[in-house]
Amino acid sequence: MSTAAVTTKKVSLDGLKRLAQKHLKPSSALRNLIMSEPDELPVQELGPKVELYAKLLDHELRASSVVTSETPKSNASQSKERRAKMRKG
């Protein structure tokens, strides 16, 4: 009886790592967790990890500002900046 070679599909985390570096502060636990992952993960491992990443991101966003200034500003912030510019000139 021979054993068939089992191939495991892998998913690249390069895009996720770039996103974390660009949009999360260096102090973010989520950023550090994502950056510590291997560059590729077996598909079977991705689902539970994404669920964990989502929960951690939600927690960090509620607890404090872990998002860098490169992320889009809220409409309220944009409106406030426009009013300040209009007053100046």
N, C-alpha and C. Protein backbone atom coordinates (compact mmCIF):
# COMPACT_ATOMS: atom_id res chain seq x y z
N MET A 1 0.85 -1.17 0.00
CA MET A 1 0.00 0.00 0.00
C MET A 1 0.89 1.24 0.00
N SER A 2 0.72 2.09 -0.99
CA SER A 2 1.56 3.29 -1.07
C SER A 2 0.80 4.49 -0.55
N THR A 3 1.55 5.45 -0.02
CA THR A 3 0.92 6.67 0.47
C THR A 3 1.04 7.74 -0.61
N ALA A 4 -0.04 8.41 -0.88
CA ALA A 4 -0.03 9.49 -1.88
C ALA A 4 0.57 10.74 -1.25
N ALA A 5 1.28 11.46 -2.07
CA ALA A 5 1.86 12.72 -1.59
C ALA A 5 0.73 13.71 -1.33
N VAL A 6 0.75 14.30 -0.17
CA VAL A 6 -0.28 15.27 0.19
C VAL A 6 0.30 16.66 -0.03
N THR A 7 -0.37 17.42 -0.88
CA THR A 7 0.07 18.80 -1.09
C THR A 7 -0.89 19.72 -0.36
N THR A 8 -0.34 20.67 0.31
CA THR A 8 -1.13 21.62 1.06
C THR A 8 -1.10 22.96 0.35
N LYS A 9 -2.28 23.48 0.04
CA LYS A 9 -2.34 24.80 -0.57
C LYS A 9 -1.94 25.83 0.47
N LYS A 10 -1.15 26.79 0.02
CA LYS A 10 -0.70 27.84 0.93
C LYS A 10 -1.17 29.20 0.42
N VAL A 11 -1.32 30.12 1.36
CA VAL A 11 -1.76 31.47 1.07
C VAL A 11 -0.65 32.43 1.48
N SER A 12 -0.34 33.38 0.61
CA SER A 12 0.69 34.38 0.91
C SER A 12 0.12 35.44 1.84
N LEU A 13 0.91 35.84 2.82
CA LEU A 13 0.53 36.91 3.74
C LEU A 13 1.23 38.22 3.41
N ASP A 14 1.91 38.29 2.27
CA ASP A 14 2.65 39.50 1.91
C ASP A 14 1.76 40.75 1.90
N GLY A 15 0.60 40.66 1.28
CA GLY A 15 -0.31 41.82 1.21
C GLY A 15 -0.78 42.24 2.59
N LEU A 16 -1.12 41.28 3.42
CA LEU A 16 -1.57 41.58 4.78
C LEU A 16 -0.46 42.23 5.58
N LYS A 17 0.76 41.75 5.40
CA LYS A 17 1.90 42.33 6.11
C LYS A 17 2.16 43.77 5.66
N ARG A 18 2.04 44.03 4.36
CA ARG A 18 2.22 45.40 3.87
C ARG A 18 1.13 46.32 4.44
N LEU A 19 -0.09 45.83 4.48
CA LEU A 19 -1.21 46.59 5.02
C LEU A 19 -0.97 46.91 6.50
N ALA A 20 -0.51 45.92 7.26
CA ALA A 20 -0.25 46.13 8.69
C ALA A 20 0.86 47.15 8.89
N GLN A 21 1.93 47.06 8.10
CA GLN A 21 3.03 48.01 8.24
C GLN A 21 2.60 49.42 7.89
N LYS A 22 1.75 49.55 6.89
CA LYS A 22 1.35 50.88 6.43
C LYS A 22 0.32 51.53 7.34
N HIS A 23 -0.61 50.74 7.88
CA HIS A 23 -1.75 51.33 8.57
C HIS A 23 -1.80 51.13 10.08
N LEU A 24 -0.95 50.28 10.63
CA LEU A 24 -0.96 50.08 12.07
C LEU A 24 0.33 50.61 12.68
N LYS A 25 0.20 51.20 13.85
CA LYS A 25 1.38 51.74 14.53
C LYS A 25 2.31 50.61 14.97
N PRO A 26 3.60 50.91 15.11
CA PRO A 26 4.56 49.89 15.55
C PRO A 26 4.20 49.29 16.92
N SER A 27 3.47 50.00 17.74
CA SER A 27 3.09 49.49 19.06
C SER A 27 1.87 48.56 19.02
N SER A 28 1.26 48.40 17.86
CA SER A 28 0.06 47.57 17.74
C SER A 28 0.40 46.09 17.92
N ALA A 29 -0.32 45.45 18.84
CA ALA A 29 -0.13 44.00 19.04
C ALA A 29 -0.52 43.24 17.78
N LEU A 30 -1.56 43.71 17.09
CA LEU A 30 -1.98 43.05 15.85
C LEU A 30 -0.89 43.13 14.79
N ARG A 31 -0.29 44.30 14.67
CA ARG A 31 0.80 44.45 13.69
C ARG A 31 1.94 43.49 14.02
N ASN A 32 2.32 43.44 15.28
CA ASN A 32 3.42 42.56 15.69
C ASN A 32 3.08 41.10 15.46
N LEU A 33 1.83 40.73 15.71
CA LEU A 33 1.40 39.35 15.48
C LEU A 33 1.46 39.00 13.99
N ILE A 34 0.91 39.87 13.15
CA ILE A 34 0.92 39.62 11.71
C ILE A 34 2.35 39.54 11.18
N MET A 35 3.20 40.44 11.64
CA MET A 35 4.59 40.46 11.15
C MET A 35 5.37 39.23 11.62
N SER A 36 4.93 38.60 12.70
CA SER A 36 5.63 37.41 13.19
C SER A 36 5.20 36.13 12.47
N GLU A 37 4.14 36.22 11.69
CA GLU A 37 3.66 35.04 10.95
C GLU A 37 4.62 34.71 9.81
N PRO A 38 4.66 33.46 9.39
CA PRO A 38 5.45 33.11 8.21
C PRO A 38 4.86 33.80 6.98
N ASP A 39 5.63 33.90 5.91
CA ASP A 39 5.15 34.56 4.70
C ASP A 39 4.01 33.80 4.02
N GLU A 40 3.92 32.51 4.25
CA GLU A 40 2.84 31.70 3.69
C GLU A 40 2.26 30.81 4.79
N LEU A 41 0.95 30.64 4.73
CA LEU A 41 0.26 29.76 5.68
C LEU A 41 -0.57 28.74 4.92
N PRO A 42 -0.71 27.53 5.46
CA PRO A 42 -1.64 26.58 4.86
C PRO A 42 -3.07 27.15 4.92
N VAL A 43 -3.84 26.91 3.89
CA VAL A 43 -5.21 27.44 3.81
C VAL A 43 -6.01 27.09 5.05
N GLN A 44 -5.83 25.89 5.57
CA GLN A 44 -6.60 25.44 6.73
C GLN A 44 -6.34 26.31 7.96
N GLU A 45 -5.17 26.91 8.07
CA GLU A 45 -4.83 27.73 9.23
C GLU A 45 -5.31 29.16 9.09
N LEU A 46 -5.63 29.58 7.88
CA LEU A 46 -5.95 30.98 7.64
C LEU A 46 -7.25 31.42 8.30
N GLY A 47 -8.30 30.62 8.19
CA GLY A 47 -9.61 31.00 8.74
C GLY A 47 -9.57 31.38 10.21
N PRO A 48 -9.07 30.50 11.07
CA PRO A 48 -9.01 30.84 12.50
C PRO A 48 -8.12 32.06 12.78
N LYS A 49 -7.05 32.22 12.01
CA LYS A 49 -6.16 33.36 12.23
C LYS A 49 -6.85 34.67 11.84
N VAL A 50 -7.57 34.66 10.72
CA VAL A 50 -8.29 35.87 10.29
C VAL A 50 -9.33 36.25 11.34
N GLU A 51 -9.99 35.26 11.90
CA GLU A 51 -10.97 35.52 12.96
C GLU A 51 -10.29 36.18 14.16
N LEU A 52 -9.13 35.68 14.54
CA LEU A 52 -8.37 36.27 15.64
C LEU A 52 -7.92 37.69 15.29
N TYR A 53 -7.41 37.90 14.07
CA TYR A 53 -6.97 39.23 13.64
C TYR A 53 -8.13 40.23 13.72
N ALA A 54 -9.31 39.82 13.28
CA ALA A 54 -10.48 40.71 13.30
C ALA A 54 -10.85 41.09 14.73
N LYS A 55 -10.84 40.12 15.64
CA LYS A 55 -11.16 40.40 17.04
C LYS A 55 -10.14 41.33 17.66
N LEU A 56 -8.87 41.09 17.38
CA LEU A 56 -7.82 41.93 17.94
C LEU A 56 -7.89 43.35 17.37
N LEU A 57 -8.16 43.47 16.08
CA LEU A 57 -8.30 44.80 15.48
C LEU A 57 -9.46 45.55 16.11
N ASP A 58 -10.58 44.90 16.28
CA ASP A 58 -11.74 45.53 16.92
C ASP A 58 -11.39 46.00 18.32
N HIS A 59 -10.71 45.14 19.07
CA HIS A 59 -10.30 45.50 20.44
C HIS A 59 -9.36 46.71 20.44
N GLU A 60 -8.37 46.70 19.55
CA GLU A 60 -7.41 47.80 19.51
C GLU A 60 -8.06 49.11 19.08
N LEU A 61 -8.97 49.05 18.13
CA LEU A 61 -9.65 50.27 17.67
C LEU A 61 -10.52 50.85 18.77
N ARG A 62 -11.13 50.00 19.57
CA ARG A 62 -11.96 50.48 20.67
C ARG A 62 -11.11 51.02 21.83
N ALA A 63 -9.96 50.41 22.07
CA ALA A 63 -9.13 50.77 23.22
C ALA A 63 -8.36 52.07 23.00
N SER A 64 -7.81 52.23 21.81
CA SER A 64 -6.99 53.41 21.55
C SER A 64 -6.76 53.55 20.07
N SER A 65 -6.08 54.59 19.72
CA SER A 65 -5.79 54.82 18.31
C SER A 65 -4.52 54.09 17.92
N VAL A 66 -4.66 52.96 17.23
CA VAL A 66 -3.50 52.21 16.77
C VAL A 66 -3.29 52.39 15.28
N VAL A 67 -4.19 53.15 14.68
CA VAL A 67 -4.12 53.35 13.24
C VAL A 67 -3.28 54.58 12.97
N THR A 68 -2.41 54.51 11.96
CA THR A 68 -1.53 55.63 11.65
C THR A 68 -2.29 56.74 10.96
N SER A 69 -1.66 57.88 10.83
CA SER A 69 -2.29 59.04 10.20
C SER A 69 -2.49 58.85 8.71
N GLU A 70 -1.93 57.78 8.12
CA GLU A 70 -2.11 57.54 6.70
C GLU A 70 -3.48 56.99 6.38
N THR A 71 -4.24 56.62 7.40
CA THR A 71 -5.57 56.08 7.14
C THR A 71 -6.53 57.22 6.85
N PRO A 72 -7.61 56.97 6.12
CA PRO A 72 -8.55 58.03 5.79
C PRO A 72 -9.12 58.67 7.05
N LYS A 73 -9.30 59.98 7.00
CA LYS A 73 -9.85 60.71 8.14
C LYS A 73 -11.36 60.62 8.11
N SER A 74 -11.96 60.79 9.27
CA SER A 74 -13.41 60.77 9.35
C SER A 74 -13.97 62.02 8.68
N ASN A 75 -15.24 61.98 8.33
CA ASN A 75 -15.88 63.14 7.72
C ASN A 75 -15.84 64.33 8.65
N ALA A 76 -15.99 64.10 9.96
CA ALA A 76 -15.95 65.19 10.93
C ALA A 76 -14.59 65.86 10.93
N SER A 77 -13.52 65.08 10.88
CA SER A 77 -12.16 65.64 10.85
C SER A 77 -11.93 66.43 9.58
N GLN A 78 -12.41 65.90 8.46
CA GLN A 78 -12.24 66.60 7.18
C GLN A 78 -13.01 67.92 7.19
N SER A 79 -14.22 67.91 7.72
CA SER A 79 -15.03 69.13 7.78
C SER A 79 -14.36 70.17 8.67
N LYS A 80 -13.83 69.75 9.78
CA LYS A 80 -13.15 70.67 10.70
C LYS A 80 -11.95 71.31 10.03
N GLU A 81 -11.17 70.52 9.28
CA GLU A 81 -10.00 71.05 8.58
C GLU A 81 -10.42 72.03 7.50
N ARG A 82 -11.50 71.74 6.77
CA ARG A 82 -11.97 72.65 5.72
C ARG A 82 -12.41 73.98 6.32
N ARG A 83 -13.12 73.94 7.45
CA ARG A 83 -13.56 75.19 8.09
C ARG A 83 -12.36 76.01 8.54
N ALA A 84 -11.35 75.36 9.08
CA ALA A 84 -10.14 76.07 9.53
C ALA A 84 -9.43 76.72 8.35
N LYS A 85 -9.36 76.04 7.23
CA LYS A 85 -8.71 76.61 6.03
C LYS A 85 -9.50 77.80 5.50
N MET A 86 -10.83 77.71 5.54
CA MET A 86 -11.67 78.80 5.04
C MET A 86 -11.50 80.05 5.89
N ARG A 87 -11.34 79.88 7.20
CA ARG A 87 -11.15 81.03 8.10
C ARG A 87 -9.82 81.72 7.83
N LYS A 88 -8.81 80.93 7.46
CA LYS A 88 -7.48 81.49 7.22
C LYS A 88 -7.42 82.28 5.92
N GLY A 89 -8.22 81.92 5.00
CA GLY A 89 -8.06 82.70 3.80
C GLY A 89 -8.71 82.22 2.61
